[in-house]
């Protein structure tokens, strides 16, 4: 069976590099005379049959844009059998022969059942700033988020130094510490809390014996300990009198902005590889990168495994 039309979905949280990937998919698919359809706002658009036709001309100026031109979101209905049945009927109605999903863990889990229930080639692309998807060294948006964090904290460091304050800065990362740890390496903070284990006495000791003249503590968000920066702020504020203590949550600024060079390259490579797999009628595959090589990860294996944090993986992380 020849692939004539493919559907594209960006799902879950948006991340820089999604638009680059969309452009890569559309451009590469057009070489094989394959038409591209982009469903709006994730799986919700697939169920509501809301889409836009994509062409080389429509995606020619999106490479530098953050977010996603298709919009993104989550759909509880897609997690039901009825919702997936509606989605499949819409794919058939629009003569869609294959589907490419760009998203994080939740998005890939959502599509795994769908791909097992219906005979249609489905390829996943890891798009999340958290870098928490099993099997791949990098995810789309992670490097851009790191750069946004570094630029933001560099500015805060100037304020902290000028006013003799300690700033406790919380960064995103869901339940992994990649953003906190690797941004910390580049920023030389006083202390990095990159997992849900921390020694408050040790943090206070670092502050009291501050030898590296940094006034920044970087904390990874973590649902297991709640608002991490707030908890640490309250504890050290009681015992530290040498400095004024301030806390800042960087928030969604980390997810916005133009994608970095690394994320643009990943977007092109992931997009091209996903189209190649669709053409060969492959299914249940997530595209990833390992040791600087593009790889294929089995979707069913991926969703049942948790990516372990590896702080010694710095030199194998970048292309």
C-alpha atoms as a PDB file:
ATOM      1  CA  UNK A   1       0.000   0.000   0.000  1.00  0.00           C
ATOM      2  CA  UNK A   2       1.413   3.382  -1.001  1.00  0.00           C
ATOM      3  CA  UNK A   3       1.297   6.194   1.540  1.00  0.00           C
ATOM      4  CA  UNK A   4      -0.492   9.204   0.040  1.00  0.00           C
ATOM      5  CA  UNK A   5      -1.509  11.334   3.029  1.00  0.00           C
ATOM      6  CA  UNK A   6      -0.091  11.600   6.531  1.00  0.00           C
ATOM      7  CA  UNK A   7      -1.453  13.273   9.626  1.00  0.00           C
ATOM      8  CA  UNK A   8       0.686  15.320  12.036  1.00  0.00           C
ATOM      9  CA  UNK A   9      -0.156  16.024  15.673  1.00  0.00           C
ATOM     10  CA  UNK A  10       1.659  18.067  18.322  1.00  0.00           C
ATOM     11  CA  UNK A  11       0.409  16.985  21.722  1.00  0.00           C
ATOM     12  CA  UNK A  12       0.919  17.718  25.430  1.00  0.00           C
ATOM     13  CA  UNK A  13       3.146  20.610  26.442  1.00  0.00           C
ATOM     14  CA  UNK A  14       4.612  22.608  23.583  1.00  0.00           C
ATOM     15  CA  UNK A  15       8.371  22.746  23.140  1.00  0.00           C
ATOM     16  CA  UNK A  16      10.754  24.715  20.884  1.00  0.00           C
ATOM     17  CA  UNK A  17      11.600  22.647  17.825  1.00  0.00           C
ATOM     18  CA  UNK A  18       8.101  21.350  17.142  1.00  0.00           C
ATOM     19  CA  UNK A  19       7.649  23.754  14.222  1.00  0.00           C
ATOM     20  CA  UNK A  20      11.021  22.781  12.794  1.00  0.00           C
ATOM     21  CA  UNK A  21       9.922  19.151  12.920  1.00  0.00           C
ATOM     22  CA  UNK A  22       6.607  19.935  11.240  1.00  0.00           C
ATOM     23  CA  UNK A  23       8.484  21.726   8.445  1.00  0.00           C
ATOM     24  CA  UNK A  24      10.858  18.785   8.053  1.00  0.00           C
ATOM     25  CA  UNK A  25       7.991  16.288   7.825  1.00  0.00           C
ATOM     26  CA  UNK A  26       6.070  18.351   5.268  1.00  0.00           C
ATOM     27  CA  UNK A  27       9.148  19.077   3.149  1.00  0.00           C
ATOM     28  CA  UNK A  28      10.415  15.502   3.130  1.00  0.00           C
ATOM     29  CA  UNK A  29       6.946  14.008   2.538  1.00  0.00           C
ATOM     30  CA  UNK A  30       6.445  16.278  -0.489  1.00  0.00           C
ATOM     31  CA  UNK A  31       9.497  14.750  -2.163  1.00  0.00           C
ATOM     32  CA  UNK A  32       7.509  11.496  -2.290  1.00  0.00           C
ATOM     33  CA  UNK A  33       4.314  13.273  -3.381  1.00  0.00           C
ATOM     34  CA  UNK A  34       2.786  12.664   0.042  1.00  0.00           C
ATOM     35  CA  UNK A  35       0.327  15.271   1.330  1.00  0.00           C
ATOM     36  CA  UNK A  36       0.429  16.426   4.948  1.00  0.00           C
ATOM     37  CA  UNK A  37      -2.538  17.204   7.201  1.00  0.00           C
ATOM     38  CA  UNK A  38      -2.004  18.884  10.569  1.00  0.00           C
ATOM     39  CA  UNK A  39      -4.623  18.224  13.250  1.00  0.00           C
ATOM     40  CA  UNK A  40      -5.235  21.155  15.598  1.00  0.00           C
ATOM     41  CA  UNK A  41      -4.667  21.138  19.359  1.00  0.00           C
ATOM     42  CA  UNK A  42      -3.425  17.576  19.743  1.00  0.00           C
ATOM     43  CA  UNK A  43      -5.692  14.561  19.978  1.00  0.00           C
ATOM     44  CA  UNK A  44      -8.670  16.871  20.516  1.00  0.00           C
ATOM     45  CA  UNK A  45      -8.382  18.005  16.897  1.00  0.00           C
ATOM     46  CA  UNK A  46      -8.230  14.406  15.737  1.00  0.00           C
ATOM     47  CA  UNK A  47     -11.472  13.605  17.567  1.00  0.00           C
ATOM     48  CA  UNK A  48     -13.225  16.828  16.489  1.00  0.00           C
ATOM     49  CA  UNK A  49     -11.836  16.490  12.944  1.00  0.00           C
ATOM     50  CA  UNK A  50     -10.249  19.937  13.078  1.00  0.00           C
ATOM     51  CA  UNK A  51      -7.256  20.190  10.780  1.00  0.00           C
ATOM     52  CA  UNK A  52      -5.307  22.323   8.334  1.00  0.00           C
ATOM     53  CA  UNK A  53      -3.679  21.297   5.081  1.00  0.00           C
ATOM     54  CA  UNK A  54       0.066  21.810   5.140  1.00  0.00           C
ATOM     55  CA  UNK A  55       2.333  22.518   2.184  1.00  0.00           C
ATOM     56  CA  UNK A  56       5.925  23.585   1.633  1.00  0.00           C
ATOM     57  CA  UNK A  57       4.753  27.150   1.135  1.00  0.00           C
ATOM     58  CA  UNK A  58       2.765  27.187   4.396  1.00  0.00           C
ATOM     59  CA  UNK A  59       5.693  25.958   6.509  1.00  0.00           C
ATOM     60  CA  UNK A  60       8.550  27.848   4.843  1.00  0.00           C
ATOM     61  CA  UNK A  61       8.825  30.550   7.548  1.00  0.00           C
ATOM     62  CA  UNK A  62       8.182  28.579  10.747  1.00  0.00           C
ATOM     63  CA  UNK A  63      11.642  27.194  11.525  1.00  0.00           C
ATOM     64  CA  UNK A  64      12.483  30.013  13.936  1.00  0.00           C
ATOM     65  CA  UNK A  65       9.143  30.018  15.768  1.00  0.00           C
ATOM     66  CA  UNK A  66       8.671  28.585  19.246  1.00  0.00           C
ATOM     67  CA  UNK A  67       5.547  26.670  20.208  1.00  0.00           C
ATOM     68  CA  UNK A  68       3.621  24.931  17.440  1.00  0.00           C
ATOM     69  CA  UNK A  69       1.562  26.284  14.545  1.00  0.00           C
ATOM     70  CA  UNK A  70      -0.859  23.372  15.023  1.00  0.00           C
ATOM     71  CA  UNK A  71      -1.549  24.162  18.639  1.00  0.00           C
ATOM     72  CA  UNK A  72      -1.297  21.542  21.336  1.00  0.00           C
ATOM     73  CA  UNK A  73      -3.308  20.163  24.216  1.00  0.00           C
ATOM     74  CA  UNK A  74      -4.547  17.078  26.006  1.00  0.00           C
ATOM     75  CA  UNK A  75      -7.716  15.067  25.491  1.00  0.00           C
ATOM     76  CA  UNK A  76      -9.203  12.802  28.162  1.00  0.00           C
ATOM     77  CA  UNK A  77     -11.602  11.416  25.575  1.00  0.00           C
ATOM     78  CA  UNK A  78      -8.722   9.986  23.557  1.00  0.00           C
ATOM     79  CA  UNK A  79      -7.846   7.772  26.515  1.00  0.00           C
ATOM     80  CA  UNK A  80     -11.238   6.051  26.131  1.00  0.00           C
ATOM     81  CA  UNK A  81     -12.019   3.380  23.572  1.00  0.00           C
ATOM     82  CA  UNK A  82     -14.877   5.475  22.212  1.00  0.00           C
ATOM     83  CA  UNK A  83     -12.605   8.468  21.694  1.00  0.00           C
ATOM     84  CA  UNK A  84     -10.005   6.430  19.844  1.00  0.00           C
ATOM     85  CA  UNK A  85     -12.720   4.912  17.653  1.00  0.00           C
ATOM     86  CA  UNK A  86     -13.884   8.406  16.648  1.00  0.00           C
ATOM     87  CA  UNK A  87     -10.287   9.396  15.933  1.00  0.00           C
ATOM     88  CA  UNK A  88      -9.768   6.369  13.681  1.00  0.00           C
ATOM     89  CA  UNK A  89     -12.973   7.084  11.770  1.00  0.00           C
ATOM     90  CA  UNK A  90     -11.786  10.644  11.146  1.00  0.00           C
ATOM     91  CA  UNK A  91      -8.465   9.365   9.857  1.00  0.00           C
ATOM     92  CA  UNK A  92     -10.299   7.091   7.435  1.00  0.00           C
ATOM     93  CA  UNK A  93     -12.691   9.876   6.426  1.00  0.00           C
ATOM     94  CA  UNK A  94      -9.730  12.093   5.532  1.00  0.00           C
ATOM     95  CA  UNK A  95      -7.864   9.237   3.783  1.00  0.00           C
ATOM     96  CA  UNK A  96      -4.952   9.456   6.210  1.00  0.00           C
ATOM     97  CA  UNK A  97      -2.537   6.559   5.651  1.00  0.00           C
ATOM     98  CA  UNK A  98      -0.106   7.247   8.513  1.00  0.00           C
ATOM     99  CA  UNK A  99       0.223   9.373  11.643  1.00  0.00           C
ATOM    100  CA  UNK A 100       3.163  11.191  13.240  1.00  0.00           C
ATOM    101  CA  UNK A 101       2.845  12.407  16.839  1.00  0.00           C
ATOM    102  CA  UNK A 102       5.231  14.920  18.423  1.00  0.00           C
ATOM    103  CA  UNK A 103       4.922  15.017  22.205  1.00  0.00           C
ATOM    104  CA  UNK A 104       6.038  13.863  25.635  1.00  0.00           C
ATOM    105  CA  UNK A 105       5.458  10.774  27.746  1.00  0.00           C
ATOM    106  CA  UNK A 106       1.714  11.271  28.099  1.00  0.00           C
ATOM    107  CA  UNK A 107       1.232  11.787  24.370  1.00  0.00           C
ATOM    108  CA  UNK A 108       3.234   8.687  23.490  1.00  0.00           C
ATOM    109  CA  UNK A 109       1.362   6.596  26.046  1.00  0.00           C
ATOM    110  CA  UNK A 110      -1.911   7.801  24.562  1.00  0.00           C
ATOM    111  CA  UNK A 111      -0.986   6.694  21.077  1.00  0.00           C
ATOM    112  CA  UNK A 112       0.355   3.264  22.116  1.00  0.00           C
ATOM    113  CA  UNK A 113      -3.116   1.783  22.655  1.00  0.00           C
ATOM    114  CA  UNK A 114      -4.367   3.369  19.462  1.00  0.00           C
ATOM    115  CA  UNK A 115      -1.567   1.843  17.403  1.00  0.00           C
ATOM    116  CA  UNK A 116      -2.269  -1.607  18.832  1.00  0.00           C
ATOM    117  CA  UNK A 117      -6.002  -1.328  18.168  1.00  0.00           C
ATOM    118  CA  UNK A 118      -5.909  -0.086  14.576  1.00  0.00           C
ATOM    119  CA  UNK A 119      -3.825  -1.057  11.595  1.00  0.00           C
ATOM    120  CA  UNK A 120      -2.221   2.231  10.658  1.00  0.00           C
ATOM    121  CA  UNK A 121       1.492   3.120  10.742  1.00  0.00           C
ATOM    122  CA  UNK A 122       2.186   5.460  13.665  1.00  0.00           C
ATOM    123  CA  UNK A 123       5.512   7.099  14.478  1.00  0.00           C
ATOM    124  CA  UNK A 124       6.294   9.074  17.645  1.00  0.00           C
ATOM    125  CA  UNK A 125       8.759  11.936  18.047  1.00  0.00           C
ATOM    126  CA  UNK A 126       9.880  12.954  21.567  1.00  0.00           C
ATOM    127  CA  UNK A 127       8.985  16.603  22.144  1.00  0.00           C
ATOM    128  CA  UNK A 128       9.380  17.861  25.713  1.00  0.00           C
ATOM    129  CA  UNK A 129      11.712  20.265  27.492  1.00  0.00           C
ATOM    130  CA  UNK A 130      12.024  17.804  30.406  1.00  0.00           C
ATOM    131  CA  UNK A 131      14.228  15.313  28.513  1.00  0.00           C
ATOM    132  CA  UNK A 132      12.519  12.502  30.418  1.00  0.00           C
ATOM    133  CA  UNK A 133      11.671  10.033  27.634  1.00  0.00           C
ATOM    134  CA  UNK A 134      13.270   6.608  27.894  1.00  0.00           C
ATOM    135  CA  UNK A 135      15.716   5.507  25.205  1.00  0.00           C
ATOM    136  CA  UNK A 136      16.763   8.872  23.788  1.00  0.00           C
ATOM    137  CA  UNK A 137      19.587  11.128  24.949  1.00  0.00           C
ATOM    138  CA  UNK A 138      17.741  14.258  23.836  1.00  0.00           C
ATOM    139  CA  UNK A 139      14.170  15.417  23.337  1.00  0.00           C
ATOM    140  CA  UNK A 140      12.955  18.359  21.266  1.00  0.00           C
ATOM    141  CA  UNK A 141      12.993  21.568  23.272  1.00  0.00           C
ATOM    142  CA  UNK A 142      15.357  20.483  26.027  1.00  0.00           C
ATOM    143  CA  UNK A 143      18.388  22.359  24.726  1.00  0.00           C
ATOM    144  CA  UNK A 144      16.328  25.495  24.026  1.00  0.00           C
ATOM    145  CA  UNK A 145      14.950  25.405  27.561  1.00  0.00           C
ATOM    146  CA  UNK A 146      18.474  25.092  28.952  1.00  0.00           C
ATOM    147  CA  UNK A 147      19.520  28.194  27.039  1.00  0.00           C
ATOM    148  CA  UNK A 148      16.460  30.123  28.242  1.00  0.00           C
ATOM    149  CA  UNK A 149      17.235  29.161  31.837  1.00  0.00           C
ATOM    150  CA  UNK A 150      20.852  30.239  31.513  1.00  0.00           C
ATOM    151  CA  UNK A 151      19.956  33.612  29.997  1.00  0.00           C
ATOM    152  CA  UNK A 152      17.363  34.266  32.702  1.00  0.00           C
ATOM    153  CA  UNK A 153      19.507  33.235  35.645  1.00  0.00           C
ATOM    154  CA  UNK A 154      22.486  35.214  34.346  1.00  0.00           C
ATOM    155  CA  UNK A 155      20.337  38.323  34.763  1.00  0.00           C
ATOM    156  CA  UNK A 156      19.195  37.301  38.238  1.00  0.00           C
ATOM    157  CA  UNK A 157      22.808  36.664  39.261  1.00  0.00           C
ATOM    158  CA  UNK A 158      23.614  40.314  38.595  1.00  0.00           C
ATOM    159  CA  UNK A 159      20.786  41.399  40.903  1.00  0.00           C
ATOM    160  CA  UNK A 160      21.770  38.896  43.580  1.00  0.00           C
ATOM    161  CA  UNK A 161      25.369  40.056  43.584  1.00  0.00           C
ATOM    162  CA  UNK A 162      24.508  43.766  43.597  1.00  0.00           C
ATOM    163  CA  UNK A 163      22.084  43.444  46.498  1.00  0.00           C
ATOM    164  CA  UNK A 164      23.930  40.782  48.510  1.00  0.00           C
ATOM    165  CA  UNK A 165      20.988  38.408  48.281  1.00  0.00           C
ATOM    166  CA  UNK A 166      20.620  34.663  47.912  1.00  0.00           C
ATOM    167  CA  UNK A 167      18.195  33.710  45.168  1.00  0.00           C
ATOM    168  CA  UNK A 168      16.561  30.280  45.212  1.00  0.00           C
ATOM    169  CA  UNK A 169      15.467  29.666  41.613  1.00  0.00           C
ATOM    170  CA  UNK A 170      13.119  26.860  40.639  1.00  0.00           C
ATOM    171  CA  UNK A 171      13.297  25.454  37.115  1.00  0.00           C
ATOM    172  CA  UNK A 172      11.068  22.992  35.297  1.00  0.00           C
ATOM    173  CA  UNK A 173      11.858  19.360  34.599  1.00  0.00           C
ATOM    174  CA  UNK A 174       8.775  17.489  35.781  1.00  0.00           C
ATOM    175  CA  UNK A 175      10.262  14.660  37.848  1.00  0.00           C
ATOM    176  CA  UNK A 176      13.761  14.629  36.367  1.00  0.00           C
ATOM    177  CA  UNK A 177      16.665  16.900  37.158  1.00  0.00           C
ATOM    178  CA  UNK A 178      18.191  17.393  33.720  1.00  0.00           C
ATOM    179  CA  UNK A 179      17.306  21.084  33.383  1.00  0.00           C
ATOM    180  CA  UNK A 180      18.455  21.913  36.903  1.00  0.00           C
ATOM    181  CA  UNK A 181      21.667  19.905  36.790  1.00  0.00           C
ATOM    182  CA  UNK A 182      22.960  20.851  33.347  1.00  0.00           C
ATOM    183  CA  UNK A 183      21.989  24.512  33.591  1.00  0.00           C
ATOM    184  CA  UNK A 184      23.755  24.456  36.949  1.00  0.00           C
ATOM    185  CA  UNK A 185      26.955  23.206  35.359  1.00  0.00           C
ATOM    186  CA  UNK A 186      26.872  26.195  33.025  1.00  0.00           C
ATOM    187  CA  UNK A 187      25.958  28.733  35.711  1.00  0.00           C
ATOM    188  CA  UNK A 188      28.229  27.721  38.602  1.00  0.00           C
ATOM    189  CA  UNK A 189      25.618  28.220  41.327  1.00  0.00           C
ATOM    190  CA  UNK A 190      26.159  27.851  45.046  1.00  0.00           C
ATOM    191  CA  UNK A 191      24.140  24.643  45.115  1.00  0.00           C
ATOM    192  CA  UNK A 192      21.974  22.488  42.799  1.00  0.00           C
ATOM    193  CA  UNK A 193      18.978  20.479  43.997  1.00  0.00           C
ATOM    194  CA  UNK A 194      18.286  18.224  41.012  1.00  0.00           C
ATOM    195  CA  UNK A 195      16.303  15.418  42.635  1.00  0.00           C
ATOM    196  CA  UNK A 196      13.881  14.986  45.533  1.00  0.00           C
ATOM    197  CA  UNK A 197      16.703  14.343  47.970  1.00  0.00           C
ATOM    198  CA  UNK A 198      18.486  17.267  49.551  1.00  0.00           C
ATOM    199  CA  UNK A 199      20.280  18.028  52.803  1.00  0.00           C
ATOM    200  CA  UNK A 200      19.142  21.379  54.159  1.00  0.00           C
ATOM    201  CA  UNK A 201      22.058  21.497  56.620  1.00  0.00           C
ATOM    202  CA  UNK A 202      24.501  21.092  53.757  1.00  0.00           C
ATOM    203  CA  UNK A 203      22.814  23.893  51.791  1.00  0.00           C
ATOM    204  CA  UNK A 204      23.051  26.200  54.800  1.00  0.00           C
ATOM    205  CA  UNK A 205      26.691  25.257  55.274  1.00  0.00           C
ATOM    206  CA  UNK A 206      27.442  26.169  51.643  1.00  0.00           C
ATOM    207  CA  UNK A 207      25.751  29.527  52.122  1.00  0.00           C
ATOM    208  CA  UNK A 208      27.625  30.341  55.364  1.00  0.00           C
ATOM    209  CA  UNK A 209      30.973  29.306  53.890  1.00  0.00           C
ATOM    210  CA  UNK A 210      30.373  30.800  50.460  1.00  0.00           C
ATOM    211  CA  UNK A 211      33.767  30.569  48.755  1.00  0.00           C
ATOM    212  CA  UNK A 212      32.754  30.705  45.113  1.00  0.00           C
ATOM    213  CA  UNK A 213      30.949  34.041  45.447  1.00  0.00           C
ATOM    214  CA  UNK A 214      27.768  32.751  43.843  1.00  0.00           C
ATOM    215  CA  UNK A 215      24.437  33.799  45.296  1.00  0.00           C
ATOM    216  CA  UNK A 216      22.297  31.386  43.317  1.00  0.00           C
ATOM    217  CA  UNK A 217      20.711  28.076  44.323  1.00  0.00           C
ATOM    218  CA  UNK A 218      19.012  26.142  41.507  1.00  0.00           C
ATOM    219  CA  UNK A 219      16.160  23.814  42.431  1.00  0.00           C
ATOM    220  CA  UNK A 220      14.354  21.334  40.173  1.00  0.00           C
ATOM    221  CA  UNK A 221      10.581  21.217  40.462  1.00  0.00           C
ATOM    222  CA  UNK A 222       9.365  17.894  41.823  1.00  0.00           C
ATOM    223  CA  UNK A 223       5.821  16.747  42.486  1.00  0.00           C
ATOM    224  CA  UNK A 224       6.990  14.383  45.229  1.00  0.00           C
ATOM    225  CA  UNK A 225       8.088  17.211  47.499  1.00  0.00           C
ATOM    226  CA  UNK A 226       5.640  19.874  46.301  1.00  0.00           C
ATOM    227  CA  UNK A 227       6.848  23.419  45.685  1.00  0.00           C
ATOM    228  CA  UNK A 228      10.528  22.643  46.116  1.00  0.00           C
ATOM    229  CA  UNK A 229      11.853  26.191  46.060  1.00  0.00           C
ATOM    230  CA  UNK A 230       9.265  27.351  48.605  1.00  0.00           C
ATOM    231  CA  UNK A 231      10.116  24.543  51.012  1.00  0.00           C
ATOM    232  CA  UNK A 232      13.855  25.219  50.851  1.00  0.00           C
ATOM    233  CA  UNK A 233      13.275  28.975  51.077  1.00  0.00           C
ATOM    234  CA  UNK A 234      11.286  28.633  54.300  1.00  0.00           C
ATOM    235  CA  UNK A 235      13.853  26.348  55.909  1.00  0.00           C
ATOM    236  CA  UNK A 236      16.994  28.358  55.215  1.00  0.00           C
ATOM    237  CA  UNK A 237      15.382  31.745  55.839  1.00  0.00           C
ATOM    238  CA  UNK A 238      15.083  30.849  59.527  1.00  0.00           C
ATOM    239  CA  UNK A 239      18.806  30.228  59.982  1.00  0.00           C
ATOM    240  CA  UNK A 240      20.576  32.541  57.528  1.00  0.00           C
ATOM    241  CA  UNK A 241      21.057  36.151  58.577  1.00  0.00           C
ATOM    242  CA  UNK A 242      24.050  37.059  56.454  1.00  0.00           C
ATOM    243  CA  UNK A 243      21.957  37.462  53.290  1.00  0.00           C
ATOM    244  CA  UNK A 244      18.469  38.448  52.307  1.00  0.00           C
ATOM    245  CA  UNK A 245      16.770  35.385  50.845  1.00  0.00           C
ATOM    246  CA  UNK A 246      14.588  35.557  47.750  1.00  0.00           C
ATOM    247  CA  UNK A 247      12.867  32.866  45.682  1.00  0.00           C
ATOM    248  CA  UNK A 248      11.938  32.897  42.027  1.00  0.00           C
ATOM    249  CA  UNK A 249      10.085  30.391  39.846  1.00  0.00           C
ATOM    250  CA  UNK A 250      11.102  30.800  36.209  1.00  0.00           C
ATOM    251  CA  UNK A 251       7.914  29.135  34.983  1.00  0.00           C
ATOM    252  CA  UNK A 252       6.776  29.036  31.385  1.00  0.00           C
ATOM    253  CA  UNK A 253       9.432  31.386  30.081  1.00  0.00           C
ATOM    254  CA  UNK A 254      11.544  28.217  29.868  1.00  0.00           C
ATOM    255  CA  UNK A 255       9.223  26.719  27.241  1.00  0.00           C
ATOM    256  CA  UNK A 256       8.972  29.749  24.993  1.00  0.00           C
ATOM    257  CA  UNK A 257      11.189  31.345  22.433  1.00  0.00           C
ATOM    258  CA  UNK A 258      12.976  30.436  19.250  1.00  0.00           C
ATOM    259  CA  UNK A 259      14.496  26.928  19.137  1.00  0.00           C
ATOM    260  CA  UNK A 260      18.256  26.571  19.548  1.00  0.00           C
ATOM    261  CA  UNK A 261      20.547  25.249  16.832  1.00  0.00           C
ATOM    262  CA  UNK A 262      20.533  21.802  18.464  1.00  0.00           C
ATOM    263  CA  UNK A 263      16.726  21.645  18.505  1.00  0.00           C
ATOM    264  CA  UNK A 264      16.489  22.788  14.899  1.00  0.00           C
ATOM    265  CA  UNK A 265      18.912  20.066  13.840  1.00  0.00           C
ATOM    266  CA  UNK A 266      17.019  17.474  15.877  1.00  0.00           C
ATOM    267  CA  UNK A 267      13.743  18.644  14.361  1.00  0.00           C
ATOM    268  CA  UNK A 268      15.055  18.174  10.833  1.00  0.00           C
ATOM    269  CA  UNK A 269      16.529  14.751  11.594  1.00  0.00           C
ATOM    270  CA  UNK A 270      13.529  13.476  13.572  1.00  0.00           C
ATOM    271  CA  UNK A 271      11.117  14.685  10.907  1.00  0.00           C
ATOM    272  CA  UNK A 272      13.015  13.119   8.041  1.00  0.00           C
ATOM    273  CA  UNK A 273      13.407   9.782   9.852  1.00  0.00           C
ATOM    274  CA  UNK A 274       9.704   9.664  10.775  1.00  0.00           C
ATOM    275  CA  UNK A 275       8.658  10.070   7.137  1.00  0.00           C
ATOM    276  CA  UNK A 276      11.084   7.336   6.070  1.00  0.00           C
ATOM    277  CA  UNK A 277       9.498   4.979   8.597  1.00  0.00           C
ATOM    278  CA  UNK A 278       5.968   5.877   7.510  1.00  0.00           C
ATOM    279  CA  UNK A 279       6.862   5.216   3.870  1.00  0.00           C
ATOM    280  CA  UNK A 280       8.099   1.743   4.840  1.00  0.00           C
ATOM    281  CA  UNK A 281       4.861   1.188   6.745  1.00  0.00           C
ATOM    282  CA  UNK A 282       6.618   0.837  10.099  1.00  0.00           C
ATOM    283  CA  UNK A 283       4.558   1.059  13.264  1.00  0.00           C
ATOM    284  CA  UNK A 284       5.027   1.466  17.040  1.00  0.00           C
ATOM    285  CA  UNK A 285       8.311   3.355  16.649  1.00  0.00           C
ATOM    286  CA  UNK A 286       9.580   6.436  18.439  1.00  0.00           C
ATOM    287  CA  UNK A 287      12.490   8.287  16.844  1.00  0.00           C
ATOM    288  CA  UNK A 288      15.351   9.131  19.202  1.00  0.00           C
ATOM    289  CA  UNK A 289      19.046   9.953  19.353  1.00  0.00           C
ATOM    290  CA  UNK A 290      21.680   7.868  21.116  1.00  0.00           C
ATOM    291  CA  UNK A 291      25.408   8.530  21.117  1.00  0.00           C
ATOM    292  CA  UNK A 292      24.904  11.098  18.359  1.00  0.00           C
ATOM    293  CA  UNK A 293      23.041   8.678  16.081  1.00  0.00           C
ATOM    294  CA  UNK A 294      19.365   8.674  15.136  1.00  0.00           C
ATOM    295  CA  UNK A 295      17.727   5.500  16.457  1.00  0.00           C
ATOM    296  CA  UNK A 296      14.338   3.772  16.563  1.00  0.00           C
ATOM    297  CA  UNK A 297      12.784   2.911  19.933  1.00  0.00           C
ATOM    298  CA  UNK A 298       9.971   0.379  20.340  1.00  0.00           C
ATOM    299  CA  UNK A 299       6.925   2.333  21.534  1.00  0.00           C
ATOM    300  CA  UNK A 300       5.515  -0.487  23.665  1.00  0.00           C
ATOM    301  CA  UNK A 301       8.812  -0.855  25.521  1.00  0.00           C
ATOM    302  CA  UNK A 302       9.260   2.881  25.966  1.00  0.00           C
ATOM    303  CA  UNK A 303       5.979   3.587  27.751  1.00  0.00           C
ATOM    304  CA  UNK A 304       6.667   1.037  30.474  1.00  0.00           C
ATOM    305  CA  UNK A 305      10.151   2.278  31.327  1.00  0.00           C
ATOM    306  CA  UNK A 306      11.360   5.302  33.221  1.00  0.00           C
ATOM    307  CA  UNK A 307      14.404   7.228  32.057  1.00  0.00           C
ATOM    308  CA  UNK A 308      17.084   7.177  34.718  1.00  0.00           C
ATOM    309  CA  UNK A 309      18.889  10.414  35.420  1.00  0.00           C
ATOM    310  CA  UNK A 310      22.519  10.139  34.352  1.00  0.00           C
ATOM    311  CA  UNK A 311      24.654  13.110  35.309  1.00  0.00           C
ATOM    312  CA  UNK A 312      27.726  11.552  33.674  1.00  0.00           C
ATOM    313  CA  UNK A 313      26.193  11.631  30.195  1.00  0.00           C
ATOM    314  CA  UNK A 314      27.304  15.140  29.253  1.00  0.00           C
ATOM    315  CA  UNK A 315      29.628  14.268  26.367  1.00  0.00           C
ATOM    316  CA  UNK A 316      27.212  11.824  24.768  1.00  0.00           C
ATOM    317  CA  UNK A 317      24.261  14.191  24.941  1.00  0.00           C
ATOM    318  CA  UNK A 318      24.921  16.609  22.081  1.00  0.00           C
ATOM    319  CA  UNK A 319      25.206  16.092  18.348  1.00  0.00           C
END
